[in-house]
């Protein structure tokens, strides 16, 4: 199954708030935390809508999703450095 790799935390939070699920655990690649989603026409349409500011999402779902994504990114970076 082809995947789309996304490093933009805001876009990842938006996609998660819209109900898209990751296909694998995020990884640190080239110093950027990368999230993996199944590549589909629906995903591409949502990504284009996001960047063209042509779509909407429930605000509280987006805030919660962004909070979780930021915490996850912080955890991945701390674990890489061997921190607590």
Protein backbone atom coordinates (compact mmCIF):
# COMPACT_ATOMS: atom_id res chain seq x y z
CA UNK A 1 0.00 0.00 0.00
CA UNK A 2 1.54 3.35 -0.99
CA UNK A 3 1.99 5.87 1.78
CA UNK A 4 2.30 9.62 1.96
CA UNK A 5 4.95 10.93 4.35
CA UNK A 6 4.00 14.16 6.12
CA UNK A 7 6.18 16.28 8.40
CA UNK A 8 3.92 19.33 8.87
CA UNK A 9 2.47 19.02 12.40
CA UNK A 10 -0.48 21.27 11.59
CA UNK A 11 -1.40 19.20 8.54
CA UNK A 12 -1.06 15.96 10.50
CA UNK A 13 -3.31 17.34 13.26
CA UNK A 14 -5.86 18.43 10.65
CA UNK A 15 -5.87 15.01 8.96
CA UNK A 16 -6.23 13.24 12.30
CA UNK A 17 -9.12 15.56 13.23
CA UNK A 18 -10.75 14.64 9.90
CA UNK A 19 -10.50 10.94 10.81
CA UNK A 20 -7.47 9.78 8.84
CA UNK A 21 -5.38 7.12 10.57
CA UNK A 22 -1.64 6.68 10.40
CA UNK A 23 -0.38 3.53 8.72
CA UNK A 24 2.79 3.30 10.84
CA UNK A 25 4.33 4.85 13.92
CA UNK A 26 5.96 8.24 13.31
CA UNK A 27 9.73 8.20 12.85
CA UNK A 28 12.51 10.75 12.91
CA UNK A 29 13.83 11.07 9.34
CA UNK A 30 16.41 13.72 8.42
CA UNK A 31 15.76 15.50 11.75
CA UNK A 32 12.01 15.78 11.05
CA UNK A 33 9.33 13.68 12.72
CA UNK A 34 7.54 12.02 9.83
CA UNK A 35 3.99 10.67 9.92
CA UNK A 36 2.74 8.05 7.46
CA UNK A 37 -0.75 7.96 5.94
CA UNK A 38 -2.24 5.71 3.27
CA UNK A 39 -1.98 7.57 -0.01
CA UNK A 40 -5.44 7.98 -1.52
CA UNK A 41 -7.36 10.46 -3.64
CA UNK A 42 -9.35 11.43 -0.53
CA UNK A 43 -6.14 12.22 1.36
CA UNK A 44 -4.77 14.25 -1.56
CA UNK A 45 -8.04 16.22 -1.78
CA UNK A 46 -7.90 17.01 1.95
CA UNK A 47 -4.24 18.07 1.76
CA UNK A 48 -4.98 20.35 -1.20
CA UNK A 49 -8.02 21.76 0.59
CA UNK A 50 -5.94 22.40 3.71
CA UNK A 51 -3.24 24.33 1.86
CA UNK A 52 -5.75 26.20 -0.30
CA UNK A 53 -7.81 27.10 2.78
CA UNK A 54 -10.89 25.54 1.21
CA UNK A 55 -11.91 23.17 3.99
CA UNK A 56 -13.14 23.23 7.56
CA UNK A 57 -12.69 21.11 10.65
CA UNK A 58 -14.31 21.10 14.08
CA UNK A 59 -12.15 23.49 16.15
CA UNK A 60 -12.02 21.47 19.38
CA UNK A 61 -11.09 18.29 17.48
CA UNK A 62 -8.25 20.17 15.79
CA UNK A 63 -6.97 21.62 19.08
CA UNK A 64 -6.99 18.21 20.76
CA UNK A 65 -5.32 16.57 17.78
CA UNK A 66 -2.62 19.26 17.63
CA UNK A 67 -1.96 18.89 21.38
CA UNK A 68 -1.47 15.14 20.98
CA UNK A 69 0.74 15.51 17.88
CA UNK A 70 3.00 18.09 19.56
CA UNK A 71 3.37 15.88 22.63
CA UNK A 72 4.21 12.89 20.44
CA UNK A 73 6.82 14.88 18.51
CA UNK A 74 8.38 15.99 21.80
CA UNK A 75 8.47 12.41 23.08
CA UNK A 76 10.12 11.13 19.90
CA UNK A 77 12.79 13.83 20.07
CA UNK A 78 13.44 13.26 23.79
CA UNK A 79 13.72 9.50 23.32
CA UNK A 80 16.21 10.00 20.51
CA UNK A 81 18.38 12.13 22.79
CA UNK A 82 18.03 9.57 25.58
CA UNK A 83 16.16 12.04 27.79
CA UNK A 84 13.35 11.38 30.20
